[in-house]
Amino acid sequence: MPSMTYPWPDGKRAALCVTFDMDAEAAVLAVDEKFSRRPSIMSHQQYGPVTGVPRLLELLEDLELSASFFIPGFSAERPPATVAAIAEAGHEICHHGYLHRPPGLIDAATERSELELGLAALERLAGVRATVFRAPWWETSTATFDLLIEYGFTCDSSLFDRDVPYRLGIGSSEIVEVPVSWALDDWEKYAFLPDPPTGSGVIESPARVHEMWWEEIESYLEVGGCCVLTMHPFLSGRPSRVRALRGLLERAATVSDLWIATVGEVAAHCAGAEGPVHPLALPTVDSGPAQPVRGS
């Protein structure tokens, strides 16, 4: 497998970011606010802040690891003690919208409002001005990056096009992109709700999930990449999943040339490293008459 000679610090071969999206009720309410009147569905989502986060914080403390928590402002407010506990434990507080509305699916005014409301909630409850952003559903709009620069963000973690972080050019400005992968998201492995219809219908064994993720980590070590694990406390905070996650992270911690860092730490390193600025490149589509698909 070809190796990428990315300049990781201290001679490290690759990086690993442990990240959590604390979506809680917002993930479902963004689909339809009617679900606020469905106690069972709300309780499924509330498992994250009520039970999953305390269990995950204990795990991270045991392993002496710092993680990045991407928190919708709405979720930070309910209950506010949860985001305060995350901040007090020394973890990175990152922006994840307000009501988990995907920027690519809302109008410009709503996108700006989501950004402002989320910033205000995190600053009020965690005492930090977030500078790292992740779009809900990883769904950005053509305006997202201009807004991030306007509001002082230094890093985004929503795109998929590289195995390493890079400087993303937006006009005459830039922001660091720390790419993600659906293969490294617990949503596709664990998520299930009958309404709103969520998940593939197959709930994976934690042992199988972490076997898959270990193969990913090994591959990132081979190519010199940045492996970004994305988990949700209402999913990965369940007992068997935390047990398996402990084993995975303990194993990762034994790899001396793997840098385990927060997304912000990776972004700061990338911003200070030499390298090209890659402009945001979107295709131009000629909206002419539809053409038949060969073979159909």
C-alpha atoms as a PDB file:
ATOM      1  CA  MET A   1       0.000   0.000   0.000  1.00  0.00           C
ATOM      2  CA  PRO A   2       1.453   3.409  -0.925  1.00  0.00           C
ATOM      3  CA  SER A   3       2.570   5.554   1.987  1.00  0.00           C
ATOM      4  CA  MET A   4       1.704   9.224   2.388  1.00  0.00           C
ATOM      5  CA  THR A   5       4.539  11.203   3.913  1.00  0.00           C
ATOM      6  CA  TYR A   6       2.350  13.489   6.001  1.00  0.00           C
ATOM      7  CA  PRO A   7       4.471  15.395   8.551  1.00  0.00           C
ATOM      8  CA  TRP A   8       3.001  14.154  11.813  1.00  0.00           C
ATOM      9  CA  PRO A   9       4.689  15.448  14.996  1.00  0.00           C
ATOM     10  CA  ASP A  10       7.484  13.605  16.805  1.00  0.00           C
ATOM     11  CA  GLY A  11       7.935  11.091  14.010  1.00  0.00           C
ATOM     12  CA  LYS A  12       4.440   9.625  14.400  1.00  0.00           C
ATOM     13  CA  ARG A  13       3.120   7.600  11.462  1.00  0.00           C
ATOM     14  CA  ALA A  14      -0.583   8.440  11.793  1.00  0.00           C
ATOM     15  CA  ALA A  15      -3.171  10.166  13.967  1.00  0.00           C
ATOM     16  CA  LEU A  16      -6.324   8.984  15.718  1.00  0.00           C
ATOM     17  CA  CYS A  17      -9.127  11.333  16.798  1.00  0.00           C
ATOM     18  CA  VAL A  18     -11.757  10.043  19.225  1.00  0.00           C
ATOM     19  CA  THR A  19     -14.902  12.081  18.649  1.00  0.00           C
ATOM     20  CA  PHE A  20     -18.471  12.021  19.948  1.00  0.00           C
ATOM     21  CA  ASP A  21     -21.538  13.714  18.465  1.00  0.00           C
ATOM     22  CA  MET A  22     -23.817  14.365  21.443  1.00  0.00           C
ATOM     23  CA  ASP A  23     -26.944  14.779  19.340  1.00  0.00           C
ATOM     24  CA  ALA A  24     -29.467  13.575  21.945  1.00  0.00           C
ATOM     25  CA  GLU A  25     -33.051  14.671  21.137  1.00  0.00           C
ATOM     26  CA  ALA A  26     -31.936  17.160  18.487  1.00  0.00           C
ATOM     27  CA  ALA A  27     -31.134  14.404  15.983  1.00  0.00           C
ATOM     28  CA  VAL A  28     -34.803  13.383  15.923  1.00  0.00           C
ATOM     29  CA  LEU A  29     -36.405  16.795  16.448  1.00  0.00           C
ATOM     30  CA  ALA A  30     -34.572  18.100  13.380  1.00  0.00           C
ATOM     31  CA  VAL A  31     -36.548  15.555  11.354  1.00  0.00           C
ATOM     32  CA  ASP A  32     -39.879  16.623  12.848  1.00  0.00           C
ATOM     33  CA  GLU A  33     -40.631  18.489  16.066  1.00  0.00           C
ATOM     34  CA  LYS A  34     -43.730  16.306  16.565  1.00  0.00           C
ATOM     35  CA  PHE A  35     -41.423  13.691  18.100  1.00  0.00           C
ATOM     36  CA  SER A  36     -41.118  15.905  21.191  1.00  0.00           C
ATOM     37  CA  ARG A  37     -44.513  14.439  22.165  1.00  0.00           C
ATOM     38  CA  ARG A  38     -43.244  10.839  21.911  1.00  0.00           C
ATOM     39  CA  PRO A  39     -41.689   9.991  25.307  1.00  0.00           C
ATOM     40  CA  SER A  40     -40.248   6.639  24.240  1.00  0.00           C
ATOM     41  CA  ILE A  41     -38.415   8.145  21.263  1.00  0.00           C
ATOM     42  CA  MET A  42     -37.158  11.058  23.348  1.00  0.00           C
ATOM     43  CA  SER A  43     -35.925   8.671  26.053  1.00  0.00           C
ATOM     44  CA  HIS A  44     -33.989   6.705  23.424  1.00  0.00           C
ATOM     45  CA  GLN A  45     -32.116   9.885  22.548  1.00  0.00           C
ATOM     46  CA  GLN A  46     -31.807  11.074  26.154  1.00  0.00           C
ATOM     47  CA  TYR A  47     -29.804   7.943  26.965  1.00  0.00           C
ATOM     48  CA  GLY A  48     -26.803   9.825  25.567  1.00  0.00           C
ATOM     49  CA  PRO A  49     -26.538  12.733  28.020  1.00  0.00           C
ATOM     50  CA  VAL A  50     -28.178  10.906  30.933  1.00  0.00           C
ATOM     51  CA  THR A  51     -26.300   7.586  30.872  1.00  0.00           C
ATOM     52  CA  GLY A  52     -23.884   7.350  27.943  1.00  0.00           C
ATOM     53  CA  VAL A  53     -21.841  10.497  28.550  1.00  0.00           C
ATOM     54  CA  PRO A  54     -21.047   9.766  32.229  1.00  0.00           C
ATOM     55  CA  ARG A  55     -19.958   6.245  31.277  1.00  0.00           C
ATOM     56  CA  LEU A  56     -17.804   7.508  28.400  1.00  0.00           C
ATOM     57  CA  LEU A  57     -16.238  10.234  30.547  1.00  0.00           C
ATOM     58  CA  GLU A  58     -15.252   7.580  33.072  1.00  0.00           C
ATOM     59  CA  LEU A  59     -13.684   5.497  30.287  1.00  0.00           C
ATOM     60  CA  LEU A  60     -11.722   8.447  28.929  1.00  0.00           C
ATOM     61  CA  GLU A  61     -10.522   9.369  32.408  1.00  0.00           C
ATOM     62  CA  ASP A  62      -9.373   5.795  33.030  1.00  0.00           C
ATOM     63  CA  LEU A  63      -7.401   5.797  29.768  1.00  0.00           C
ATOM     64  CA  GLU A  64      -6.153   9.385  30.208  1.00  0.00           C
ATOM     65  CA  LEU A  65      -7.435  10.319  26.748  1.00  0.00           C
ATOM     66  CA  SER A  66      -8.854  13.617  25.502  1.00  0.00           C
ATOM     67  CA  ALA A  67     -11.764  13.477  23.058  1.00  0.00           C
ATOM     68  CA  SER A  68     -13.625  15.972  20.884  1.00  0.00           C
ATOM     69  CA  PHE A  69     -17.346  16.381  21.666  1.00  0.00           C
ATOM     70  CA  PHE A  70     -19.496  17.897  18.906  1.00  0.00           C
ATOM     71  CA  ILE A  71     -22.609  19.225  20.613  1.00  0.00           C
ATOM     72  CA  PRO A  72     -25.748  20.832  19.134  1.00  0.00           C
ATOM     73  CA  GLY A  73     -26.679  23.906  21.156  1.00  0.00           C
ATOM     74  CA  PHE A  74     -30.150  22.506  21.846  1.00  0.00           C
ATOM     75  CA  SER A  75     -28.604  19.333  23.297  1.00  0.00           C
ATOM     76  CA  ALA A  76     -26.166  21.366  25.391  1.00  0.00           C
ATOM     77  CA  GLU A  77     -29.127  23.054  27.062  1.00  0.00           C
ATOM     78  CA  ARG A  78     -30.841  19.770  28.078  1.00  0.00           C
ATOM     79  CA  PRO A  79     -29.477  19.064  30.680  1.00  0.00           C
ATOM     80  CA  PRO A  80     -26.842  21.804  30.931  1.00  0.00           C
ATOM     81  CA  ALA A  81     -24.862  19.871  33.555  1.00  0.00           C
ATOM     82  CA  THR A  82     -23.782  17.367  30.901  1.00  0.00           C
ATOM     83  CA  VAL A  83     -21.871  19.788  28.696  1.00  0.00           C
ATOM     84  CA  ALA A  84     -20.389  21.392  31.812  1.00  0.00           C
ATOM     85  CA  ALA A  85     -19.109  17.978  32.936  1.00  0.00           C
ATOM     86  CA  ILE A  86     -17.542  17.364  29.520  1.00  0.00           C
ATOM     87  CA  ALA A  87     -15.772  20.721  29.634  1.00  0.00           C
ATOM     88  CA  GLU A  88     -14.664  20.275  33.251  1.00  0.00           C
ATOM     89  CA  ALA A  89     -13.104  16.928  32.308  1.00  0.00           C
ATOM     90  CA  GLY A  90     -10.880  18.786  29.844  1.00  0.00           C
ATOM     91  CA  HIS A  91     -12.371  17.537  26.594  1.00  0.00           C
ATOM     92  CA  GLU A  92     -12.688  19.638  23.462  1.00  0.00           C
ATOM     93  CA  ILE A  93     -16.071  21.336  22.986  1.00  0.00           C
ATOM     94  CA  CYS A  94     -17.012  21.637  19.304  1.00  0.00           C
ATOM     95  CA  HIS A  95     -19.945  23.112  17.367  1.00  0.00           C
ATOM     96  CA  HIS A  96     -22.551  20.807  15.804  1.00  0.00           C
ATOM     97  CA  GLY A  97     -25.349  23.191  14.884  1.00  0.00           C
ATOM     98  CA  TYR A  98     -28.207  24.124  17.188  1.00  0.00           C
ATOM     99  CA  LEU A  99     -31.121  21.773  16.443  1.00  0.00           C
ATOM    100  CA  HIS A 100     -28.980  19.421  14.324  1.00  0.00           C
ATOM    101  CA  ARG A 101     -30.387  20.848  11.087  1.00  0.00           C
ATOM    102  CA  PRO A 102     -28.125  19.953   8.116  1.00  0.00           C
ATOM    103  CA  PRO A 103     -26.844  23.198   6.513  1.00  0.00           C
ATOM    104  CA  GLY A 104     -27.195  21.746   3.025  1.00  0.00           C
ATOM    105  CA  LEU A 105     -30.939  21.268   3.531  1.00  0.00           C
ATOM    106  CA  ILE A 106     -31.940  24.621   5.069  1.00  0.00           C
ATOM    107  CA  ASP A 107     -32.047  28.207   3.817  1.00  0.00           C
ATOM    108  CA  ALA A 108     -29.245  30.728   4.349  1.00  0.00           C
ATOM    109  CA  ALA A 109     -30.973  32.632   7.160  1.00  0.00           C
ATOM    110  CA  THR A 110     -31.665  29.439   9.106  1.00  0.00           C
ATOM    111  CA  GLU A 111     -28.087  28.246   8.643  1.00  0.00           C
ATOM    112  CA  ARG A 112     -26.739  31.501  10.079  1.00  0.00           C
ATOM    113  CA  SER A 113     -29.195  31.336  12.976  1.00  0.00           C
ATOM    114  CA  GLU A 114     -28.212  27.725  13.748  1.00  0.00           C
ATOM    115  CA  LEU A 115     -24.558  28.762  13.848  1.00  0.00           C
ATOM    116  CA  GLU A 116     -25.184  31.757  16.120  1.00  0.00           C
ATOM    117  CA  LEU A 117     -27.517  29.918  18.505  1.00  0.00           C
ATOM    118  CA  GLY A 118     -25.105  27.001  18.797  1.00  0.00           C
ATOM    119  CA  LEU A 119     -22.164  29.291  19.526  1.00  0.00           C
ATOM    120  CA  ALA A 120     -24.116  31.161  22.186  1.00  0.00           C
ATOM    121  CA  ALA A 121     -25.270  27.974  23.927  1.00  0.00           C
ATOM    122  CA  LEU A 122     -21.782  26.463  24.093  1.00  0.00           C
ATOM    123  CA  GLU A 123     -20.244  29.710  25.307  1.00  0.00           C
ATOM    124  CA  ARG A 124     -22.909  30.132  27.973  1.00  0.00           C
ATOM    125  CA  LEU A 125     -22.882  26.547  29.259  1.00  0.00           C
ATOM    126  CA  ALA A 126     -19.305  25.361  28.662  1.00  0.00           C
ATOM    127  CA  GLY A 127     -17.509  28.685  28.887  1.00  0.00           C
ATOM    128  CA  VAL A 128     -15.755  28.244  25.544  1.00  0.00           C
ATOM    129  CA  ARG A 129     -15.961  29.879  22.136  1.00  0.00           C
ATOM    130  CA  ALA A 130     -16.010  26.876  19.804  1.00  0.00           C
ATOM    131  CA  THR A 131     -13.585  27.039  16.866  1.00  0.00           C
ATOM    132  CA  VAL A 132     -14.057  23.490  15.530  1.00  0.00           C
ATOM    133  CA  PHE A 133     -17.217  22.689  13.538  1.00  0.00           C
ATOM    134  CA  ARG A 134     -18.915  19.569  12.242  1.00  0.00           C
ATOM    135  CA  ALA A 135     -22.047  19.875  10.137  1.00  0.00           C
ATOM    136  CA  PRO A 136     -25.047  17.830  11.260  1.00  0.00           C
ATOM    137  CA  TRP A 137     -25.185  14.734   9.053  1.00  0.00           C
ATOM    138  CA  TRP A 138     -21.864  16.013   7.625  1.00  0.00           C
ATOM    139  CA  GLU A 139     -24.091  17.917   5.184  1.00  0.00           C
ATOM    140  CA  THR A 140     -22.600  21.326   4.363  1.00  0.00           C
ATOM    141  CA  SER A 141     -23.945  24.017   2.033  1.00  0.00           C
ATOM    142  CA  THR A 142     -22.099  26.247  -0.432  1.00  0.00           C
ATOM    143  CA  ALA A 143     -22.272  29.012   2.202  1.00  0.00           C
ATOM    144  CA  THR A 144     -21.072  26.972   5.187  1.00  0.00           C
ATOM    145  CA  PHE A 145     -17.352  27.646   4.902  1.00  0.00           C
ATOM    146  CA  ASP A 146     -17.751  31.390   4.341  1.00  0.00           C
ATOM    147  CA  LEU A 147     -19.865  31.489   7.509  1.00  0.00           C
ATOM    148  CA  LEU A 148     -17.303  29.491   9.472  1.00  0.00           C
ATOM    149  CA  ILE A 149     -14.558  31.920   8.516  1.00  0.00           C
ATOM    150  CA  GLU A 150     -16.796  34.906   9.299  1.00  0.00           C
ATOM    151  CA  TYR A 151     -17.468  33.570  12.799  1.00  0.00           C
ATOM    152  CA  GLY A 152     -13.843  32.746  13.560  1.00  0.00           C
ATOM    153  CA  PHE A 153     -13.763  28.975  13.167  1.00  0.00           C
ATOM    154  CA  THR A 154     -10.355  27.482  12.415  1.00  0.00           C
ATOM    155  CA  CYS A 155     -11.375  23.905  11.596  1.00  0.00           C
ATOM    156  CA  ASP A 156     -14.146  21.876   9.982  1.00  0.00           C
ATOM    157  CA  SER A 157     -14.632  18.106  10.124  1.00  0.00           C
ATOM    158  CA  SER A 158     -17.392  17.375   7.603  1.00  0.00           C
ATOM    159  CA  LEU A 159     -15.755  16.451   4.271  1.00  0.00           C
ATOM    160  CA  PHE A 160     -14.572  13.108   2.916  1.00  0.00           C
ATOM    161  CA  ASP A 161     -12.033  13.635   0.138  1.00  0.00           C
ATOM    162  CA  ARG A 162      -8.686  12.860   1.807  1.00  0.00           C
ATOM    163  CA  ASP A 163      -7.083  10.600   4.398  1.00  0.00           C
ATOM    164  CA  VAL A 164      -5.134  13.478   5.963  1.00  0.00           C
ATOM    165  CA  PRO A 165      -6.026  16.965   7.218  1.00  0.00           C
ATOM    166  CA  TYR A 166      -5.500  19.814   4.793  1.00  0.00           C
ATOM    167  CA  ARG A 167      -5.824  23.555   4.410  1.00  0.00           C
ATOM    168  CA  LEU A 168      -9.068  24.313   2.588  1.00  0.00           C
ATOM    169  CA  GLY A 169      -9.058  27.520   0.574  1.00  0.00           C
ATOM    170  CA  ILE A 170     -12.218  29.637   0.697  1.00  0.00           C
ATOM    171  CA  GLY A 171     -11.682  32.713  -1.468  1.00  0.00           C
ATOM    172  CA  SER A 172      -8.709  34.564  -0.002  1.00  0.00           C
ATOM    173  CA  SER A 173      -9.120  32.801   3.372  1.00  0.00           C
ATOM    174  CA  GLU A 174      -8.602  29.254   4.542  1.00  0.00           C
ATOM    175  CA  ILE A 175      -9.734  26.783   7.176  1.00  0.00           C
ATOM    176  CA  VAL A 176      -8.308  23.402   8.159  1.00  0.00           C
ATOM    177  CA  GLU A 177     -10.353  20.384   7.097  1.00  0.00           C
ATOM    178  CA  VAL A 178     -10.043  17.159   9.135  1.00  0.00           C
ATOM    179  CA  PRO A 179     -11.836  14.610   6.913  1.00  0.00           C
ATOM    180  CA  VAL A 180     -14.234  11.938   8.107  1.00  0.00           C
ATOM    181  CA  SER A 181     -15.571   8.599   6.854  1.00  0.00           C
ATOM    182  CA  TRP A 182     -18.928   6.853   7.139  1.00  0.00           C
ATOM    183  CA  ALA A 183     -16.998   3.618   7.742  1.00  0.00           C
ATOM    184  CA  LEU A 184     -15.736   5.099  11.017  1.00  0.00           C
ATOM    185  CA  ASP A 185     -19.175   6.225  12.259  1.00  0.00           C
ATOM    186  CA  ASP A 186     -21.118   4.140  14.786  1.00  0.00           C
ATOM    187  CA  TRP A 187     -24.436   5.325  13.303  1.00  0.00           C
ATOM    188  CA  GLU A 188     -24.311   2.800  10.457  1.00  0.00           C
ATOM    189  CA  LYS A 189     -23.480   0.007  12.901  1.00  0.00           C
ATOM    190  CA  TYR A 190     -25.744   0.616  15.884  1.00  0.00           C
ATOM    191  CA  ALA A 191     -28.540   3.066  15.031  1.00  0.00           C
ATOM    192  CA  PHE A 192     -32.110   1.809  14.943  1.00  0.00           C
ATOM    193  CA  LEU A 193     -35.467   3.482  15.489  1.00  0.00           C
ATOM    194  CA  PRO A 194     -38.759   2.338  13.974  1.00  0.00           C
ATOM    195  CA  ASP A 195     -39.970   5.958  13.795  1.00  0.00           C
ATOM    196  CA  PRO A 196     -38.514   8.068  12.334  1.00  0.00           C
ATOM    197  CA  PRO A 197     -37.117   5.160  10.310  1.00  0.00           C
ATOM    198  CA  THR A 198     -33.456   4.994  11.286  1.00  0.00           C
ATOM    199  CA  GLY A 199     -30.705   2.512  10.554  1.00  0.00           C
ATOM    200  CA  SER A 200     -30.257  -0.450   8.252  1.00  0.00           C
ATOM    201  CA  GLY A 201     -32.247  -2.835  10.413  1.00  0.00           C
ATOM    202  CA  VAL A 202     -29.068  -4.692  11.406  1.00  0.00           C
ATOM    203  CA  ILE A 203     -27.529  -3.875  14.794  1.00  0.00           C
ATOM    204  CA  GLU A 204     -23.905  -4.997  14.728  1.00  0.00           C
ATOM    205  CA  SER A 205     -22.016  -6.807  17.458  1.00  0.00           C
ATOM    206  CA  PRO A 206     -19.610  -4.424  19.254  1.00  0.00           C
ATOM    207  CA  ALA A 207     -16.831  -6.969  18.764  1.00  0.00           C
ATOM    208  CA  ARG A 208     -17.415  -6.908  15.006  1.00  0.00           C
ATOM    209  CA  VAL A 209     -17.533  -3.103  14.901  1.00  0.00           C
ATOM    210  CA  HIS A 210     -14.248  -2.732  16.698  1.00  0.00           C
ATOM    211  CA  GLU A 211     -12.637  -5.423  14.593  1.00  0.00           C
ATOM    212  CA  MET A 212     -13.611  -3.310  11.552  1.00  0.00           C
ATOM    213  CA  TRP A 213     -12.294  -0.146  13.177  1.00  0.00           C
ATOM    214  CA  TRP A 214      -9.007  -1.762  14.139  1.00  0.00           C
ATOM    215  CA  GLU A 215      -8.499  -2.716  10.490  1.00  0.00           C
ATOM    216  CA  GLU A 216      -9.116   0.943   9.631  1.00  0.00           C
ATOM    217  CA  ILE A 217      -6.576   2.133  12.207  1.00  0.00           C
ATOM    218  CA  GLU A 218      -3.969  -0.298  10.876  1.00  0.00           C
ATOM    219  CA  SER A 219      -4.592   0.948   7.333  1.00  0.00           C
ATOM    220  CA  TYR A 220      -4.241   4.577   8.383  1.00  0.00           C
ATOM    221  CA  LEU A 221      -0.911   3.667   9.968  1.00  0.00           C
ATOM    222  CA  GLU A 222       0.174   2.190   6.635  1.00  0.00           C
ATOM    223  CA  VAL A 223      -0.766   5.268   4.599  1.00  0.00           C
ATOM    224  CA  GLY A 224       0.087   7.909   7.199  1.00  0.00           C
ATOM    225  CA  GLY A 225      -3.462   9.171   7.578  1.00  0.00           C
ATOM    226  CA  CYS A 226      -5.767  10.612  10.225  1.00  0.00           C
ATOM    227  CA  CYS A 227      -8.393   8.162  11.491  1.00  0.00           C
ATOM    228  CA  VAL A 228     -11.430  10.010  12.894  1.00  0.00           C
ATOM    229  CA  LEU A 229     -13.747   7.802  14.946  1.00  0.00           C
ATOM    230  CA  THR A 230     -17.246   9.292  15.164  1.00  0.00           C
ATOM    231  CA  MET A 231     -19.526   7.991  17.894  1.00  0.00           C
ATOM    232  CA  HIS A 232     -22.794   9.009  19.535  1.00  0.00           C
ATOM    233  CA  PRO A 233     -23.256   8.648  23.310  1.00  0.00           C
ATOM    234  CA  PHE A 234     -26.817   7.349  22.903  1.00  0.00           C
ATOM    235  CA  LEU A 235     -25.378   4.542  20.744  1.00  0.00           C
ATOM    236  CA  SER A 236     -21.785   3.873  21.829  1.00  0.00           C
ATOM    237  CA  GLY A 237     -22.557   4.669  25.472  1.00  0.00           C
ATOM    238  CA  ARG A 238     -24.328   1.315  25.938  1.00  0.00           C
ATOM    239  CA  PRO A 239     -22.489  -1.106  28.273  1.00  0.00           C
ATOM    240  CA  SER A 240     -21.310  -3.729  25.774  1.00  0.00           C
ATOM    241  CA  ARG A 241     -20.200  -1.043  23.338  1.00  0.00           C
ATOM    242  CA  VAL A 242     -18.213   0.860  25.953  1.00  0.00           C
ATOM    243  CA  ARG A 243     -16.538  -2.389  26.963  1.00  0.00           C
ATOM    244  CA  ALA A 244     -15.510  -3.048  23.362  1.00  0.00           C
ATOM    245  CA  LEU A 245     -14.446   0.587  22.885  1.00  0.00           C
ATOM    246  CA  ARG A 246     -12.220   0.314  25.942  1.00  0.00           C
ATOM    247  CA  GLY A 247     -10.443  -2.644  24.364  1.00  0.00           C
ATOM    248  CA  LEU A 248      -9.986  -0.804  21.071  1.00  0.00           C
ATOM    249  CA  LEU A 249      -8.585   2.347  22.680  1.00  0.00           C
ATOM    250  CA  GLU A 250      -6.327   0.406  25.033  1.00  0.00           C
ATOM    251  CA  ARG A 251      -4.929  -1.392  22.000  1.00  0.00           C
ATOM    252  CA  ALA A 252      -4.467   1.876  20.102  1.00  0.00           C
ATOM    253  CA  ALA A 253      -2.643   3.395  23.067  1.00  0.00           C
ATOM    254  CA  THR A 254       0.043   0.708  22.801  1.00  0.00           C
ATOM    255  CA  VAL A 255       1.003   1.819  19.264  1.00  0.00           C
ATOM    256  CA  SER A 256       3.902   4.163  19.926  1.00  0.00           C
ATOM    257  CA  ASP A 257       3.821   5.845  16.516  1.00  0.00           C
ATOM    258  CA  LEU A 258       0.075   6.591  16.574  1.00  0.00           C
ATOM    259  CA  TRP A 259      -0.720  10.141  17.726  1.00  0.00           C
ATOM    260  CA  ILE A 260      -4.015  10.175  19.653  1.00  0.00           C
ATOM    261  CA  ALA A 261      -5.177  13.787  19.555  1.00  0.00           C
ATOM    262  CA  THR A 262      -8.254  15.993  19.508  1.00  0.00           C
ATOM    263  CA  VAL A 263      -9.537  17.360  16.218  1.00  0.00           C
ATOM    264  CA  GLY A 264      -8.410  20.827  17.282  1.00  0.00           C
ATOM    265  CA  GLU A 265      -4.893  19.587  18.005  1.00  0.00           C
ATOM    266  CA  VAL A 266      -4.685  17.952  14.585  1.00  0.00           C
ATOM    267  CA  ALA A 267      -5.984  21.143  12.960  1.00  0.00           C
ATOM    268  CA  ALA A 268      -3.458  23.318  14.790  1.00  0.00           C
ATOM    269  CA  HIS A 269      -0.639  21.041  13.654  1.00  0.00           C
ATOM    270  CA  CYS A 270      -1.899  21.126  10.060  1.00  0.00           C
ATOM    271  CA  ALA A 271      -2.234  24.922  10.087  1.00  0.00           C
ATOM    272  CA  GLY A 272       1.403  25.236  11.107  1.00  0.00           C
ATOM    273  CA  ALA A 273       2.759  22.699   8.630  1.00  0.00           C
ATOM    274  CA  GLU A 274       4.022  23.505   5.166  1.00  0.00           C
ATOM    275  CA  GLY A 275       1.824  22.400   2.319  1.00  0.00           C
ATOM    276  CA  PRO A 276      -0.553  23.545  -0.398  1.00  0.00           C
ATOM    277  CA  VAL A 277      -3.927  25.174   0.111  1.00  0.00           C
ATOM    278  CA  HIS A 278      -6.621  23.164  -1.656  1.00  0.00           C
ATOM    279  CA  PRO A 279      -9.523  25.314  -2.906  1.00  0.00           C
ATOM    280  CA  LEU A 280     -13.068  24.105  -2.414  1.00  0.00           C
ATOM    281  CA  ALA A 281     -13.823  22.644  -5.843  1.00  0.00           C
ATOM    282  CA  LEU A 282     -17.406  21.961  -6.877  1.00  0.00           C
ATOM    283  CA  PRO A 283     -18.453  20.710 -10.315  1.00  0.00           C
ATOM    284  CA  THR A 284     -20.361  22.844 -12.777  1.00  0.00           C
ATOM    285  CA  VAL A 285     -23.371  20.979 -14.081  1.00  0.00           C
ATOM    286  CA  ASP A 286     -24.956  21.783 -17.430  1.00  0.00           C
ATOM    287  CA  SER A 287     -28.661  21.487 -16.711  1.00  0.00           C
ATOM    288  CA  GLY A 288     -29.564  20.420 -20.219  1.00  0.00           C
ATOM    289  CA  PRO A 289     -32.073  17.713 -21.119  1.00  0.00           C
ATOM    290  CA  ALA A 290     -31.688  14.453 -19.249  1.00  0.00           C
ATOM    291  CA  GLN A 291     -29.745  11.786 -21.106  1.00  0.00           C
ATOM    292  CA  PRO A 292     -30.711   8.109 -21.086  1.00  0.00           C
ATOM    293  CA  VAL A 293     -28.572   5.814 -18.980  1.00  0.00           C
ATOM    294  CA  ARG A 294     -26.847   3.218 -21.133  1.00  0.00           C
ATOM    295  CA  GLY A 295     -27.910  -0.307 -20.365  1.00  0.00           C
ATOM    296  CA  SER A 296     -31.219   0.706 -18.809  1.00  0.00           C
END
